[in-house]
Protein backbone atom coordinates (compact mmCIF):
# COMPACT_ATOMS: atom_id res chain seq x y z
CA MET A 1 155.29 173.52 223.21
CA GLY A 2 158.46 171.55 223.96
CA GLY A 3 156.73 168.20 224.35
CA LEU A 4 154.63 168.80 221.25
CA MET A 5 157.74 169.58 219.21
CA ALA A 6 159.68 166.59 220.53
CA ILE A 7 156.91 164.09 219.81
CA THR A 8 155.97 165.54 216.42
CA GLN A 9 159.52 165.71 215.12
CA MET A 10 160.08 162.09 216.04
CA ALA A 11 156.68 160.65 215.11
CA ALA A 12 155.82 162.60 211.97
CA GLY A 13 159.28 163.60 210.79
CA ASP A 14 161.18 160.38 211.39
CA GLY A 15 158.18 158.22 210.53
CA PHE A 16 157.62 159.77 207.12
CA ALA A 17 161.36 159.96 206.44
CA ASP A 18 161.56 156.20 206.88
CA ILE A 19 158.55 155.46 204.68
CA VAL A 20 159.42 157.90 201.89
CA GLY A 21 163.15 157.17 202.05
CA ARG A 22 162.67 153.42 201.69
CA ARG A 23 160.29 153.87 198.77
CA TRP A 24 161.89 156.67 196.76
CA GLY A 25 165.27 157.26 198.41
CA LYS A 26 167.72 156.28 195.71
CA THR A 27 170.21 159.10 196.34
CA LYS A 28 171.95 158.58 199.69
CA TRP A 29 173.91 161.12 201.69
CA PRO A 30 177.68 160.63 201.28
CA TRP A 31 178.26 160.35 205.04
CA SER A 32 175.18 158.24 205.80
CA LYS A 33 174.52 155.36 203.42
CA ARG A 34 171.32 154.44 205.26
CA LYS A 35 169.72 157.90 204.93
CA SER A 36 168.44 159.40 201.69
CA VAL A 37 168.08 162.96 200.49
CA VAL A 38 164.37 162.50 199.78
CA GLY A 39 163.89 160.95 203.23
CA THR A 40 165.45 164.01 204.84
CA ALA A 41 163.22 166.29 202.76
CA ALA A 42 160.19 164.23 203.83
CA PHE A 43 161.29 164.56 207.45
CA ILE A 44 161.44 168.35 207.24
CA VAL A 45 158.22 168.81 205.25
CA CYS A 46 156.09 166.37 207.24
CA ALA A 47 157.38 167.48 210.63
CA THR A 48 156.66 171.10 209.71
CA ILE A 49 153.15 170.45 208.36
CA VAL A 50 152.08 168.21 211.24
CA THR A 51 153.46 170.63 213.84
CA ILE A 52 151.61 173.56 212.25
CA GLY A 53 148.44 171.48 212.22
CA GLU A 54 148.86 170.60 215.89
CA VAL A 55 149.48 174.22 216.84
CA LEU A 56 146.29 175.20 214.99
CA TRP A 57 144.39 172.38 216.71
CA PHE A 58 145.61 173.19 220.22
CA ASN A 59 144.99 176.88 219.61
CA GLN A 60 141.29 176.10 219.17
CA PHE A 61 141.21 175.03 222.81
CA GLY A 62 143.28 177.97 224.03
CA LEU A 63 146.27 175.78 224.88
CA LEU A 64 148.78 177.36 222.49
CA PRO A 65 149.11 180.89 221.12
CA MET A 66 147.82 181.90 217.72
CA LEU A 67 149.83 180.75 214.72
CA SER A 68 151.80 183.61 213.18
CA SER A 69 154.44 183.85 210.48
CA LEU A 70 157.10 184.08 213.21
CA VAL A 71 155.86 180.87 214.83
CA ILE A 72 155.85 179.13 211.44
CA GLN A 73 159.42 180.28 210.82
CA LYS A 74 160.51 178.90 214.18
CA ILE A 75 158.80 175.57 213.45
CA VAL A 76 160.56 175.34 210.08
CA VAL A 77 163.95 176.10 211.66
CA ILE A 78 163.41 173.44 214.34
CA SER A 79 162.35 170.90 211.70
CA VAL A 80 165.41 171.62 209.56
CA ILE A 81 167.79 171.32 212.51
CA CYS A 82 166.12 168.09 213.65
CA GLY A 83 166.41 166.76 210.09
CA ILE A 84 170.14 167.46 210.24
CA VAL A 85 170.48 165.85 213.68
CA GLU A 86 168.69 162.78 212.32
CA LEU A 87 171.47 162.45 209.73
CA LEU A 88 174.25 162.25 212.33
CA PRO A 89 175.86 158.84 212.74
CA SER A 90 173.70 156.75 215.01
CA GLU A 91 174.69 154.38 217.79
CA ARG A 92 172.46 151.73 216.24
CA TYR A 93 174.54 151.58 213.10
CA LEU A 94 177.98 152.80 214.11
CA PRO A 95 178.93 151.91 217.70
CA GLY A 96 180.67 154.70 219.54
CA LYS A 97 179.24 157.50 217.43
CA LEU A 98 176.91 160.34 218.38
CA GLY A 99 173.90 158.48 219.74
CA ASP A 100 170.53 157.10 218.80
CA ASP A 101 168.43 159.46 216.65
CA ASN A 102 165.34 158.29 218.52
CA LEU A 103 166.79 160.20 221.48
CA THR A 104 168.79 162.99 219.86
CA VAL A 105 165.98 164.25 217.59
CA PRO A 106 163.32 164.72 220.30
CA PHE A 107 165.89 166.13 222.71
CA THR A 108 167.00 168.66 220.08
CA ALA A 109 163.39 169.60 219.28
CA PHE A 110 162.59 170.04 222.96
CA ALA A 111 165.69 172.13 223.66
CA LEU A 112 165.15 174.34 220.61
CA SER A 113 161.49 174.89 221.44
CA LEU A 114 162.47 176.00 224.94
CA LEU A 115 164.98 178.38 223.39
CA PHE A 116 162.61 179.74 220.69
CA PHE A 117 159.29 179.82 222.51
């Protein structure tokens, strides 16, 4: 589950956040002028939906347990936390800050999935 969460949070969450944020992201976060509120919302929603879809898909082959309301809650929590981590100052934009979100987001998703599942 850890690898699935790490890849999905980065691919679906960050990918859609970029697309939606560039198109409709007029309102920026006060501490991150490159990140928009709507982009963060897109990150959380898309990462959650795609992860739920993948869990359903892998469950059909017996690779992951059945989807329950508790599993959905855990997926939502991981997506929200990863959305917050994605907002942290990034090494790409501010040298000496907290790191590259392309590394911190999947690492956070992986660590949280190990903790939750």
